[in-house]
N, C-alpha and C. Protein backbone atom coordinates (compact mmCIF):
# COMPACT_ATOMS: atom_id res chain seq x y z
N UNK A 1 83.59 62.69 120.36
CA UNK A 1 84.31 62.92 119.11
C UNK A 1 85.68 63.33 119.28
N UNK A 2 86.63 63.34 118.20
CA UNK A 2 87.89 63.47 118.62
C UNK A 2 88.04 64.97 118.18
N UNK A 3 88.94 65.56 118.98
CA UNK A 3 89.57 66.78 118.87
C UNK A 3 90.16 67.29 117.79
N UNK A 4 89.88 68.46 117.45
CA UNK A 4 90.60 68.89 116.34
C UNK A 4 92.10 69.47 116.42
N UNK A 5 92.78 68.98 115.93
CA UNK A 5 94.49 69.86 116.25
C UNK A 5 94.99 70.79 115.15
N UNK A 6 94.82 71.74 115.79
CA UNK A 6 95.37 73.31 114.94
C UNK A 6 96.93 73.12 114.54
N UNK A 7 97.58 72.54 114.74
CA UNK A 7 98.87 72.25 114.30
C UNK A 7 98.51 71.34 112.92
N UNK A 8 97.93 70.41 112.90
CA UNK A 8 97.54 69.44 111.67
C UNK A 8 96.93 70.66 110.64
N UNK A 9 95.81 71.42 111.15
CA UNK A 9 94.91 72.25 110.15
C UNK A 9 96.11 73.30 109.61
N UNK A 10 96.98 73.52 110.26
CA UNK A 10 98.03 74.77 109.71
C UNK A 10 98.85 73.87 108.90
N UNK A 11 99.18 72.91 108.99
CA UNK A 11 100.11 71.92 108.27
C UNK A 11 99.28 71.65 107.07
N UNK A 12 98.25 71.28 106.86
CA UNK A 12 97.43 71.08 105.57
C UNK A 12 97.14 72.37 104.81
N UNK A 13 97.12 73.13 105.39
CA UNK A 13 97.31 74.79 104.96
C UNK A 13 98.42 74.96 104.24
N UNK A 14 99.30 74.84 104.55
CA UNK A 14 100.72 75.13 104.13
C UNK A 14 101.19 73.94 103.56
N UNK A 15 100.77 73.09 103.31
CA UNK A 15 100.69 71.90 101.77
C UNK A 15 100.05 72.30 100.74
N UNK A 16 98.52 72.99 101.11
CA UNK A 16 97.95 73.55 100.08
C UNK A 16 98.73 74.52 99.45
N UNK A 17 98.99 75.57 100.29
CA UNK A 17 99.48 76.51 99.61
C UNK A 17 100.96 76.54 98.94
N UNK A 18 101.73 75.51 99.10
CA UNK A 18 102.98 75.06 98.63
C UNK A 18 102.47 74.50 97.09
N UNK A 19 101.53 73.75 96.95
CA UNK A 19 100.93 72.98 95.74
C UNK A 19 100.38 74.33 95.22
N UNK A 20 99.69 75.32 95.89
CA UNK A 20 99.14 76.14 94.57
C UNK A 20 100.33 76.91 94.11
N UNK A 21 101.40 77.26 95.31
CA UNK A 21 102.37 77.95 94.50
C UNK A 21 103.28 77.29 93.42
N UNK A 22 103.53 76.18 93.76
CA UNK A 22 104.09 75.22 92.59
C UNK A 22 104.05 74.78 91.52
N UNK A 23 102.49 73.86 92.12
CA UNK A 23 101.83 73.46 90.67
C UNK A 23 100.58 73.75 90.05
N UNK A 24 100.18 75.27 90.81
CA UNK A 24 98.96 75.64 90.10
C UNK A 24 97.88 75.34 91.46
N UNK A 25 96.81 76.10 91.40
CA UNK A 25 95.51 75.89 92.08
C UNK A 25 94.50 74.72 91.93
N UNK A 26 94.79 74.43 90.25
CA UNK A 26 94.14 73.48 90.18
C UNK A 26 94.62 71.88 90.90
N UNK A 27 95.84 71.98 91.00
CA UNK A 27 96.35 70.77 91.61
C UNK A 27 95.82 70.45 93.08
N UNK A 28 95.39 71.58 93.71
CA UNK A 28 95.03 71.62 95.19
C UNK A 28 93.78 70.83 95.24
N UNK A 29 94.15 69.37 95.77
CA UNK A 29 92.46 68.80 96.21
C UNK A 29 92.77 67.94 97.60
N UNK A 30 91.80 67.44 98.13
CA UNK A 30 91.84 66.69 99.32
C UNK A 30 92.98 65.37 99.14
N UNK A 31 92.57 65.03 98.40
CA UNK A 31 93.47 63.44 97.90
C UNK A 31 95.26 64.12 97.93
N UNK A 32 95.11 64.84 97.22
CA UNK A 32 96.99 65.38 97.27
C UNK A 32 97.42 65.85 98.70
N UNK A 33 96.41 66.80 98.88
CA UNK A 33 96.91 67.00 100.12
C UNK A 33 97.22 65.80 101.31
N UNK A 34 95.95 65.50 101.46
CA UNK A 34 96.37 63.87 102.31
C UNK A 34 97.57 63.08 101.90
N UNK A 35 98.02 62.78 100.57
CA UNK A 35 98.97 62.10 100.33
C UNK A 35 100.20 62.89 100.94
N UNK A 36 100.21 64.06 100.65
CA UNK A 36 101.79 64.59 100.96
C UNK A 36 101.78 64.41 102.66
N UNK A 37 100.57 65.03 103.12
CA UNK A 37 100.57 64.98 104.31
C UNK A 37 101.13 63.88 105.35
N UNK A 38 100.67 62.69 104.51
CA UNK A 38 100.84 61.18 104.89
C UNK A 38 99.34 60.86 105.88
N UNK A 39 98.63 61.41 105.57
CA UNK A 39 97.21 61.01 106.41
C UNK A 39 96.08 60.69 105.47
N UNK A 40 95.32 60.11 106.12
CA UNK A 40 93.74 59.69 105.31
C UNK A 40 93.02 60.70 104.48
N UNK A 41 92.63 60.73 103.40
CA UNK A 41 91.35 61.78 102.76
C UNK A 41 90.67 61.98 103.96
N UNK A 42 90.08 61.04 104.58
CA UNK A 42 89.25 61.39 105.60
C UNK A 42 89.77 62.46 106.56
N UNK A 43 90.87 62.55 107.04
CA UNK A 43 91.21 63.07 107.78
C UNK A 43 91.14 64.47 107.59
N UNK A 44 91.27 64.83 106.58
CA UNK A 44 91.38 66.54 105.84
C UNK A 44 90.15 66.71 105.97
N UNK A 45 88.76 65.88 105.59
CA UNK A 45 87.85 66.44 105.56
C UNK A 45 86.97 66.58 107.24
N UNK A 46 87.87 66.47 108.38
CA UNK A 46 87.71 66.65 109.24
C UNK A 46 87.94 67.97 109.71
N UNK A 47 88.81 68.71 109.03
CA UNK A 47 89.38 70.40 108.84
C UNK A 47 88.46 71.00 107.76
N UNK A 48 88.30 70.50 106.79
CA UNK A 48 87.64 71.37 105.44
C UNK A 48 86.89 70.00 104.58
N UNK A 49 85.68 70.86 104.53
CA UNK A 49 84.77 70.09 103.54
C UNK A 49 84.91 69.72 102.17
N UNK A 50 85.51 70.67 101.59
CA UNK A 50 85.84 70.60 100.36
C UNK A 50 87.09 71.73 99.66
N UNK A 51 87.31 71.54 98.67
CA UNK A 51 88.65 72.09 98.10
C UNK A 51 88.24 73.56 98.59
N UNK A 52 87.25 74.22 97.99
CA UNK A 52 87.08 75.84 97.85
C UNK A 52 86.85 76.21 99.65
N UNK A 53 86.65 75.53 100.26
CA UNK A 53 86.73 75.87 101.63
C UNK A 53 88.48 76.20 102.07
N UNK A 54 89.14 75.03 101.65
CA UNK A 54 90.81 75.04 101.78
C UNK A 54 91.15 76.20 101.14
N UNK A 55 90.88 77.17 99.82
CA UNK A 55 90.88 77.93 99.49
C UNK A 55 90.74 79.19 99.71
N UNK A 56 89.20 79.36 100.64
CA UNK A 56 89.04 80.18 101.16
C UNK A 56 89.93 80.24 102.33
N UNK A 57 90.26 79.55 103.22
CA UNK A 57 91.12 79.70 104.16
C UNK A 57 92.42 79.93 104.09
N UNK A 58 93.10 79.52 102.82
CA UNK A 58 94.41 79.97 102.32
C UNK A 58 94.35 81.39 101.77
N UNK A 59 93.35 81.95 101.58
CA UNK A 59 93.52 83.38 101.01
C UNK A 59 93.10 84.21 102.25
N UNK A 60 92.55 83.90 103.48
CA UNK A 60 92.47 84.65 104.84
C UNK A 60 93.46 84.45 105.08
N UNK A 61 94.49 83.44 105.22
CA UNK A 61 95.82 83.22 106.19
C UNK A 61 96.75 83.97 105.11
N UNK A 62 96.50 83.83 103.93
CA UNK A 62 97.41 84.68 103.03
C UNK A 62 97.54 86.35 103.24
N UNK A 63 96.26 86.54 103.21
CA UNK A 63 96.16 88.44 103.61
C UNK A 63 96.25 88.51 105.02
N UNK A 64 96.04 87.75 105.86
CA UNK A 64 96.93 88.22 107.12
C UNK A 64 97.90 88.38 107.58
N UNK A 65 98.96 87.24 107.03
CA UNK A 65 100.39 87.16 106.81
C UNK A 65 100.72 88.66 106.11
N UNK A 66 100.27 89.23 104.81
CA UNK A 66 100.59 89.97 104.06
C UNK A 66 100.38 91.38 104.85
N UNK A 67 99.27 91.45 105.37
CA UNK A 67 99.18 92.71 106.29
C UNK A 67 99.76 92.78 107.49
N UNK A 68 100.35 91.81 108.11
CA UNK A 68 101.21 91.82 109.09
C UNK A 68 102.65 92.26 108.50
N UNK A 69 102.91 91.86 107.60
CA UNK A 69 104.38 91.84 106.96
C UNK A 69 104.00 93.54 106.34
N UNK A 70 103.19 94.06 105.70
CA UNK A 70 103.20 95.41 105.37
C UNK A 70 103.47 96.30 106.34
N UNK A 71 103.08 96.17 107.55
CA UNK A 71 103.49 97.31 108.84
C UNK A 71 104.88 97.61 108.38
N UNK A 72 106.03 96.50 108.24
CA UNK A 72 107.33 96.87 108.37
C UNK A 72 107.47 97.42 107.07
N UNK A 73 107.04 97.30 105.95
CA UNK A 73 107.11 97.78 104.32
C UNK A 73 106.71 99.37 104.34
N UNK A 74 106.21 99.61 105.52
CA UNK A 74 105.32 101.36 105.78
C UNK A 74 106.57 102.08 105.92
N UNK A 75 107.61 103.28 105.28
CA UNK A 75 108.56 103.69 105.82
C UNK A 75 108.18 105.23 105.70
N UNK A 76 107.41 105.59 105.20
CA UNK A 76 106.95 106.95 104.60
C UNK A 76 106.72 108.04 105.71
N UNK A 77 106.64 109.31 105.77
CA UNK A 77 106.31 110.10 106.83
C UNK A 77 105.14 110.39 107.26
N UNK A 78 104.23 110.98 106.02
CA UNK A 78 103.11 111.42 105.88
C UNK A 78 101.85 110.09 105.71
N UNK A 79 100.71 110.44 106.07
CA UNK A 79 99.94 109.60 106.19
C UNK A 79 99.34 109.11 104.21
N UNK A 80 99.29 110.08 103.61
CA UNK A 80 99.24 109.88 102.32
C UNK A 80 100.43 109.32 101.56
N UNK A 81 101.68 109.58 101.79
CA UNK A 81 102.40 108.86 101.13
C UNK A 81 102.48 107.30 101.84
N UNK A 82 101.95 107.07 102.90
CA UNK A 82 101.95 105.71 103.41
C UNK A 82 100.85 104.96 102.59
N UNK A 83 99.84 105.84 102.47
CA UNK A 83 98.94 105.01 101.60
C UNK A 83 99.29 104.73 100.40
N UNK A 84 100.38 105.38 99.48
CA UNK A 84 100.79 105.19 98.43
C UNK A 84 101.36 103.94 98.52
N UNK A 85 102.13 103.66 99.69
CA UNK A 85 103.12 102.55 99.73
C UNK A 85 102.11 101.22 100.30
N UNK A 86 101.25 101.62 100.90
CA UNK A 86 100.40 100.40 101.28
C UNK A 86 99.68 100.12 100.12
N UNK A 87 99.23 100.84 99.20
CA UNK A 87 98.46 100.37 97.79
C UNK A 87 99.46 99.40 96.74
N UNK A 88 100.67 99.85 96.83
CA UNK A 88 101.67 99.15 95.95
C UNK A 88 102.06 98.09 96.70
N UNK A 89 102.11 98.03 97.75
CA UNK A 89 102.07 96.79 98.54
C UNK A 89 101.03 95.61 98.09
N UNK A 90 100.04 95.91 98.38
CA UNK A 90 98.80 95.45 98.28
C UNK A 90 98.53 94.65 96.71
N UNK A 91 98.97 95.84 95.93
CA UNK A 91 98.95 95.61 94.54
C UNK A 91 99.76 94.43 93.87
N UNK A 92 100.78 94.29 94.54
CA UNK A 92 102.04 93.66 94.00
C UNK A 92 101.92 92.35 94.90
N UNK A 93 101.14 92.07 95.81
CA UNK A 93 100.70 91.13 96.59
C UNK A 93 99.45 90.06 96.02
N UNK A 94 98.66 91.03 95.05
CA UNK A 94 97.37 90.47 94.55
C UNK A 94 98.19 90.10 92.97
N UNK A 95 98.93 90.79 92.54
CA UNK A 95 99.53 90.26 90.97
C UNK A 95 100.64 89.19 91.29
N UNK A 96 100.88 88.90 92.63
CA UNK A 96 101.37 87.41 92.86
C UNK A 96 100.36 86.66 93.21
N UNK A 97 100.75 85.43 94.02
CA UNK A 97 99.48 84.44 94.29
C UNK A 97 98.45 84.84 95.13
N UNK A 98 98.09 85.86 95.69
CA UNK A 98 97.01 86.27 96.33
C UNK A 98 96.05 86.51 95.12
N UNK A 99 96.18 87.20 94.06
CA UNK A 99 95.36 87.34 92.90
C UNK A 99 94.79 85.85 92.31
N UNK A 100 95.86 85.09 91.88
CA UNK A 100 95.33 84.04 91.58
C UNK A 100 94.20 83.20 92.76
N UNK A 101 94.71 83.18 93.77
CA UNK A 101 93.76 82.59 94.94
C UNK A 101 92.48 83.10 94.79
N UNK A 102 92.56 84.50 94.62
CA UNK A 102 91.26 85.29 94.77
C UNK A 102 90.68 84.79 93.46
N UNK A 103 90.77 85.02 92.41
CA UNK A 103 90.15 84.55 91.30
C UNK A 103 90.00 83.16 90.98
N UNK A 104 90.31 82.00 91.77
CA UNK A 104 89.66 80.92 92.35
C UNK A 104 88.29 80.60 92.70
N UNK A 105 88.09 81.82 93.56
CA UNK A 105 87.06 81.94 94.28
C UNK A 105 85.94 82.31 93.85
N UNK A 106 85.77 82.51 92.32
CA UNK A 106 84.75 83.54 91.77
C UNK A 106 83.42 83.29 92.27
N UNK A 107 82.97 82.00 92.45
CA UNK A 107 81.81 81.61 92.90
C UNK A 107 81.46 81.64 93.99
N UNK A 108 82.40 81.94 95.20
CA UNK A 108 82.37 82.03 96.76
C UNK A 108 82.08 83.13 97.03
N UNK A 109 82.02 84.46 96.48
CA UNK A 109 82.42 85.59 96.75
C UNK A 109 81.78 86.21 97.97
N UNK A 110 80.71 85.63 98.32
CA UNK A 110 79.92 86.12 99.46
C UNK A 110 80.77 85.30 100.71
N UNK A 111 81.06 84.34 100.62
CA UNK A 111 81.98 83.51 101.50
C UNK A 111 83.51 83.85 101.71
N UNK A 112 83.68 83.91 100.60
CA UNK A 112 85.34 84.64 100.58
C UNK A 112 85.11 86.28 101.20
N UNK A 113 84.12 86.95 101.19
CA UNK A 113 84.06 88.38 101.86
C UNK A 113 84.01 88.30 103.10
N UNK A 114 83.20 87.34 103.80
CA UNK A 114 83.25 86.75 105.15
C UNK A 114 84.26 86.32 105.68
N UNK A 115 85.37 85.42 104.92
CA UNK A 115 86.82 85.12 105.28
C UNK A 115 87.33 86.43 105.51
N UNK A 116 87.42 87.26 104.55
CA UNK A 116 88.14 88.50 104.47
C UNK A 116 87.47 89.60 105.53
N UNK A 117 87.10 89.37 106.24
CA UNK A 117 86.69 90.27 107.28
C UNK A 117 87.51 90.67 108.46
N UNK A 118 88.34 89.57 108.85
CA UNK A 118 89.37 89.92 109.78
C UNK A 118 90.62 90.95 108.98
N UNK A 119 90.87 90.27 107.99
CA UNK A 119 91.92 91.44 107.03
C UNK A 119 91.75 92.48 106.80
N UNK A 120 90.33 92.74 106.76
CA UNK A 120 89.66 94.02 106.31
C UNK A 120 89.95 94.85 107.76
N UNK A 121 89.26 94.34 108.83
CA UNK A 121 89.52 94.98 109.92
C UNK A 121 91.01 95.13 110.56
N UNK A 122 91.67 94.34 110.15
CA UNK A 122 93.40 94.46 110.24
C UNK A 122 93.84 95.66 109.76
N UNK A 123 93.44 95.99 108.60
CA UNK A 123 93.61 96.92 107.54
C UNK A 123 92.93 98.38 108.32
N UNK A 124 92.18 98.01 108.46
CA UNK A 124 91.50 99.45 109.02
C UNK A 124 91.94 100.02 110.57
N UNK A 125 92.32 98.81 111.38
CA UNK A 125 93.32 99.58 112.42
C UNK A 125 94.74 100.20 111.85
N UNK A 126 95.01 99.39 110.77
CA UNK A 126 96.82 99.91 110.47
C UNK A 126 96.50 101.24 110.03
N UNK A 127 95.64 101.74 109.16
CA UNK A 127 95.13 102.91 108.82
C UNK A 127 94.51 103.81 109.90
N UNK A 128 93.73 103.68 110.55
CA UNK A 128 93.64 104.43 112.04
C UNK A 128 94.96 104.51 112.68
N UNK A 129 95.79 104.12 112.76
CA UNK A 129 97.08 103.93 113.72
C UNK A 129 97.78 104.74 112.74
N UNK A 130 98.16 104.83 111.75
CA UNK A 130 98.68 106.13 110.80
C UNK A 130 98.02 107.17 110.79
N UNK A 131 96.63 107.50 110.76
CA UNK A 131 96.39 108.84 111.00
C UNK A 131 96.68 109.35 112.42
N UNK A 132 96.64 108.47 113.30
CA UNK A 132 96.97 109.14 114.82
C UNK A 132 98.43 109.53 114.98
N UNK A 133 98.98 109.02 113.90
CA UNK A 133 100.68 108.86 114.02
C UNK A 133 100.99 110.35 113.01
N UNK A 134 100.20 110.77 112.31
CA UNK A 134 100.56 111.91 111.31
C UNK A 134 100.34 113.25 111.69
N UNK A 135 101.20 113.91 112.55
CA UNK A 135 101.12 115.08 113.17
C UNK A 135 100.45 116.25 112.07
N UNK A 136 100.68 116.22 111.19
CA UNK A 136 100.30 117.03 110.05
C UNK A 136 98.48 117.45 110.00
N UNK A 137 97.92 116.22 110.20
CA UNK A 137 96.18 116.13 110.10
C UNK A 137 95.90 117.26 111.21
N UNK A 138 95.22 117.51 110.35
CA UNK A 138 94.42 118.93 111.37
C UNK A 138 93.77 118.26 112.65
N UNK A 139 93.64 118.86 113.66
CA UNK A 139 93.08 118.55 114.97
C UNK A 139 91.50 118.46 114.94
N UNK A 140 90.86 119.70 114.12
CA UNK A 140 89.69 119.91 113.92
C UNK A 140 88.48 118.86 113.02
N UNK A 141 89.64 117.91 112.58
CA UNK A 141 88.79 117.15 111.63
C UNK A 141 87.79 116.40 111.83
N UNK A 142 88.23 115.49 112.86
CA UNK A 142 87.27 114.53 113.56
C UNK A 142 86.16 115.06 114.92
N UNK A 143 85.00 114.64 114.50
CA UNK A 143 83.99 114.68 115.45
C UNK A 143 83.06 113.47 115.10
N UNK A 144 82.49 113.56 116.10
CA UNK A 144 81.07 112.35 116.27
C UNK A 144 80.23 111.75 114.98
N UNK A 145 80.49 112.49 114.18
CA UNK A 145 80.05 112.19 112.98
C UNK A 145 81.21 112.16 111.62
N UNK A 146 82.43 112.28 112.01
CA UNK A 146 83.14 112.17 111.17
C UNK A 146 84.37 111.42 111.88
N UNK A 147 84.12 110.29 112.06
CA UNK A 147 85.46 109.79 113.14
C UNK A 147 86.73 109.17 112.18
N UNK A 148 87.63 108.59 112.66
CA UNK A 148 88.96 108.08 112.04
C UNK A 148 88.65 106.66 111.64
N UNK A 149 87.60 105.93 112.50
CA UNK A 149 87.16 104.90 112.34
C UNK A 149 86.68 104.75 110.94
N UNK A 150 85.45 105.54 110.41
CA UNK A 150 84.71 105.99 109.41
C UNK A 150 85.58 106.14 108.36
N UNK A 151 86.31 107.50 108.64
CA UNK A 151 87.52 107.62 107.57
C UNK A 151 88.40 106.27 107.10
N UNK A 152 89.06 105.77 107.86
CA UNK A 152 89.58 104.60 107.77
C UNK A 152 88.89 103.61 106.70
N UNK A 153 87.50 103.20 106.98
CA UNK A 153 86.70 102.12 106.64
C UNK A 153 86.49 102.93 105.22
N UNK A 154 86.19 104.24 104.71
CA UNK A 154 86.02 104.81 103.65
C UNK A 154 87.27 104.47 102.81
N UNK A 155 88.29 104.94 103.28
CA UNK A 155 89.71 104.70 102.41
C UNK A 155 89.80 103.05 101.96
N UNK A 156 89.63 102.24 103.01
CA UNK A 156 89.83 100.65 102.67
C UNK A 156 89.21 100.38 101.53
N UNK A 157 87.66 101.14 101.73
CA UNK A 157 86.59 100.79 100.56
C UNK A 157 87.15 101.25 99.14
N UNK A 158 87.70 102.42 99.28
CA UNK A 158 88.15 103.09 98.04
C UNK A 158 89.40 102.38 97.15
N UNK A 159 90.21 102.22 98.58
CA UNK A 159 91.44 101.38 97.97
C UNK A 159 91.32 99.84 97.47
N UNK A 160 90.13 99.19 98.08
CA UNK A 160 89.92 97.80 97.75
C UNK A 160 89.29 97.92 96.18
N UNK A 161 88.37 98.98 96.18
CA UNK A 161 87.90 98.84 94.66
C UNK A 161 89.05 99.53 93.68
N UNK A 162 89.84 100.11 94.03
CA UNK A 162 91.01 100.80 93.08
C UNK A 162 91.74 99.24 92.52
N UNK A 163 92.10 98.53 93.57
CA UNK A 163 92.71 97.32 93.60
C UNK A 163 92.08 96.04 92.64
N UNK A 164 90.64 96.44 92.84
CA UNK A 164 89.60 95.28 91.87
C UNK A 164 89.89 95.59 90.64
N UNK A 165 89.63 97.05 90.39
CA UNK A 165 89.87 97.61 89.08
C UNK A 165 91.30 97.56 88.43
N UNK A 166 92.11 96.88 89.14
CA UNK A 166 93.44 97.11 88.65
C UNK A 166 94.07 98.41 88.48
N UNK A 167 93.87 99.17 89.02
CA UNK A 167 93.75 100.66 88.69
C UNK A 167 95.28 101.02 88.82
N UNK A 168 96.21 101.67 88.34
CA UNK A 168 97.81 101.99 88.71
C UNK A 168 98.34 103.14 89.38
N UNK A 169 97.04 103.94 89.74
CA UNK A 169 97.27 105.54 90.08
C UNK A 169 96.53 105.62 90.73
N UNK A 170 96.65 106.08 92.32
CA UNK A 170 95.84 106.40 93.17
C UNK A 170 95.71 108.05 93.35
N UNK A 171 96.23 109.02 92.74
CA UNK A 171 96.47 110.09 92.89
C UNK A 171 95.28 111.02 93.03
N UNK A 172 94.40 110.79 92.22
CA UNK A 172 92.83 111.11 92.77
C UNK A 172 92.43 111.09 94.22
N UNK A 173 92.68 109.75 94.66
CA UNK A 173 92.21 109.39 96.11
C UNK A 173 92.99 110.27 97.14
N UNK A 174 94.18 110.39 96.68
CA UNK A 174 95.24 110.74 97.58
C UNK A 174 94.98 112.19 97.89
N UNK A 175 94.58 113.07 96.90
CA UNK A 175 94.01 114.56 96.46
C UNK A 175 93.24 114.69 97.41
N UNK A 176 92.09 113.67 97.08
CA UNK A 176 90.82 113.89 98.13
C UNK A 176 90.86 113.80 99.56
N UNK A 177 91.86 112.61 99.98
CA UNK A 177 92.26 112.52 101.56
C UNK A 177 92.92 113.85 101.87
N UNK A 178 93.73 114.23 101.13
CA UNK A 178 94.91 115.66 101.84
C UNK A 178 94.06 116.95 101.56
N UNK A 179 92.62 117.12 100.79
CA UNK A 179 91.97 117.71 101.25
C UNK A 179 91.35 118.01 102.10
N UNK A 180 90.76 116.88 102.57
CA UNK A 180 90.00 116.23 104.12
C UNK A 180 90.89 117.07 105.35
N UNK A 181 92.06 116.32 105.22
CA UNK A 181 92.73 115.98 106.73
C UNK A 181 93.68 117.07 106.86
N UNK A 182 94.43 117.83 105.54
CA UNK A 182 95.42 119.03 106.13
C UNK A 182 94.74 120.08 105.89
């Protein structure tokens, strides 16, 4: 059996992303990707079983890249101000191509959630790191039943819910967090 080339897989995803951004998600299909890559359609099937799998992979890559870029965008001093920056950064990304990608996965919600696990873990890790860096967080907040990790997951879940609901304000969540940790 022939070994898969990760470089070709990345190339195929880059082509699919370019097509989605310029021509729309509807234009993304195995045959068009193969043609632009200068390979046979069957070769694309060595990496992806169908268009949905390509869109799932694109969504995962997009969010992992966005979270990496997000770290450079966080400039506020306090954890709660940083949360607001994170929320608005993610909201902007959803309004751009990420939202179109996610909406195209309508019938693949369960598979999409599995693909997004790495991005969610990365976001939780960022939240934990930011909590640890904020010297204003009370020292007596954390214990074995109320950990930074659990709190980061709680925040991530609530931010995700607000983003899905297309909320424009997270002041209530910020107030709850402030009362808990400061």
